């Protein structure tokens, strides 16, 4: 499951890169192009959800190891 989530993230990052998003002008591009902004925010949500799931999994492992 985690590998699939990371693959989705990588594919979306590649799509953003292919659509012209650049590090130097990212803020301006996100303001100018709603399509890029929407894709970026979707990616942001996916990463946050994945991180939350991994943190929860880690806390469960840490609690079971200390018991």
C-alpha atoms as a PDB file:
ATOM      1  CA  UNK A   1       0.000   0.000   0.000  1.00  0.00           C
ATOM      2  CA  UNK A   2       2.723   2.474   0.924  1.00  0.00           C
ATOM      3  CA  UNK A   3       4.678   1.773  -2.240  1.00  0.00           C
ATOM      4  CA  UNK A   4       1.549   2.482  -4.271  1.00  0.00           C
ATOM      5  CA  UNK A   5       0.995   5.769  -2.469  1.00  0.00           C
ATOM      6  CA  UNK A   6       4.577   6.866  -3.095  1.00  0.00           C
ATOM      7  CA  UNK A   7       4.229   5.886  -6.753  1.00  0.00           C
ATOM      8  CA  UNK A   8       1.105   8.053  -7.057  1.00  0.00           C
ATOM      9  CA  UNK A   9       2.997  10.947  -5.471  1.00  0.00           C
ATOM     10  CA  UNK A  10       5.941  10.482  -7.820  1.00  0.00           C
ATOM     11  CA  UNK A  11       3.657  10.324 -10.861  1.00  0.00           C
ATOM     12  CA  UNK A  12       1.860  13.503  -9.817  1.00  0.00           C
ATOM     13  CA  UNK A  13       5.188  15.271  -9.242  1.00  0.00           C
ATOM     14  CA  UNK A  14       6.315  14.231 -12.717  1.00  0.00           C
ATOM     15  CA  UNK A  15       3.039  15.514 -14.167  1.00  0.00           C
ATOM     16  CA  UNK A  16       3.569  18.873 -12.457  1.00  0.00           C
ATOM     17  CA  UNK A  17       7.125  18.996 -13.772  1.00  0.00           C
ATOM     18  CA  UNK A  18       5.969  18.138 -17.297  1.00  0.00           C
ATOM     19  CA  UNK A  19       3.300  20.839 -17.171  1.00  0.00           C
ATOM     20  CA  UNK A  20       5.963  23.489 -16.631  1.00  0.00           C
ATOM     21  CA  UNK A  21       6.051  24.025 -12.869  1.00  0.00           C
ATOM     22  CA  UNK A  22       9.507  25.283 -11.869  1.00  0.00           C
ATOM     23  CA  UNK A  23      11.108  25.788  -8.478  1.00  0.00           C
ATOM     24  CA  UNK A  24      12.194  29.343  -9.290  1.00  0.00           C
ATOM     25  CA  UNK A  25       8.672  30.597 -10.051  1.00  0.00           C
ATOM     26  CA  UNK A  26       6.424  28.176  -8.200  1.00  0.00           C
ATOM     27  CA  UNK A  27       4.469  30.790  -6.230  1.00  0.00           C
ATOM     28  CA  UNK A  28       3.753  32.914  -9.285  1.00  0.00           C
ATOM     29  CA  UNK A  29       2.841  29.885 -11.381  1.00  0.00           C
ATOM     30  CA  UNK A  30       0.418  28.583  -8.756  1.00  0.00           C
ATOM     31  CA  UNK A  31      -1.238  31.986  -8.590  1.00  0.00           C
ATOM     32  CA  UNK A  32      -1.445  32.316 -12.380  1.00  0.00           C
ATOM     33  CA  UNK A  33      -2.563  28.788 -13.263  1.00  0.00           C
ATOM     34  CA  UNK A  34      -5.534  27.306 -11.392  1.00  0.00           C
ATOM     35  CA  UNK A  35      -4.963  23.884 -12.976  1.00  0.00           C
ATOM     36  CA  UNK A  36      -1.448  23.674 -11.522  1.00  0.00           C
ATOM     37  CA  UNK A  37      -2.674  25.017  -8.193  1.00  0.00           C
ATOM     38  CA  UNK A  38      -5.383  22.353  -7.968  1.00  0.00           C
ATOM     39  CA  UNK A  39      -2.940  19.554  -8.831  1.00  0.00           C
ATOM     40  CA  UNK A  40      -0.412  20.911  -6.325  1.00  0.00           C
ATOM     41  CA  UNK A  41      -3.001  21.058  -3.537  1.00  0.00           C
ATOM     42  CA  UNK A  42      -4.182  17.523  -4.295  1.00  0.00           C
ATOM     43  CA  UNK A  43      -0.591  16.335  -4.075  1.00  0.00           C
ATOM     44  CA  UNK A  44      -0.141  18.258  -0.816  1.00  0.00           C
ATOM     45  CA  UNK A  45      -3.193  16.517   0.677  1.00  0.00           C
ATOM     46  CA  UNK A  46      -2.002  13.090  -0.454  1.00  0.00           C
ATOM     47  CA  UNK A  47       1.415  13.626   1.150  1.00  0.00           C
ATOM     48  CA  UNK A  48      -0.165  14.855   4.401  1.00  0.00           C
ATOM     49  CA  UNK A  49      -2.493  11.846   4.523  1.00  0.00           C
ATOM     50  CA  UNK A  50       0.404   9.471   3.918  1.00  0.00           C
ATOM     51  CA  UNK A  51       2.540  11.122   6.596  1.00  0.00           C
ATOM     52  CA  UNK A  52      -0.322  10.966   9.113  1.00  0.00           C
ATOM     53  CA  UNK A  53      -0.815   7.259   8.396  1.00  0.00           C
ATOM     54  CA  UNK A  54       2.894   6.561   8.810  1.00  0.00           C
ATOM     55  CA  UNK A  55       3.070   8.545  12.061  1.00  0.00           C
ATOM     56  CA  UNK A  56       0.104   6.594  13.418  1.00  0.00           C
ATOM     57  CA  UNK A  57       1.706   3.318  12.396  1.00  0.00           C
ATOM     58  CA  UNK A  58       4.975   4.340  14.047  1.00  0.00           C
ATOM     59  CA  UNK A  59       3.235   5.322  17.290  1.00  0.00           C
ATOM     60  CA  UNK A  60       1.467   1.943  17.427  1.00  0.00           C
ATOM     61  CA  UNK A  61       4.788   0.166  16.917  1.00  0.00           C
ATOM     62  CA  UNK A  62       6.494   2.306  19.548  1.00  0.00           C
ATOM     63  CA  UNK A  63       3.737   1.644  22.093  1.00  0.00           C
ATOM     64  CA  UNK A  64       3.809  -2.108  21.492  1.00  0.00           C
ATOM     65  CA  UNK A  65       7.604  -2.217  21.757  1.00  0.00           C
ATOM     66  CA  UNK A  66       7.622  -0.462  25.132  1.00  0.00           C
ATOM     67  CA  UNK A  67       4.954  -2.742  26.622  1.00  0.00           C
END
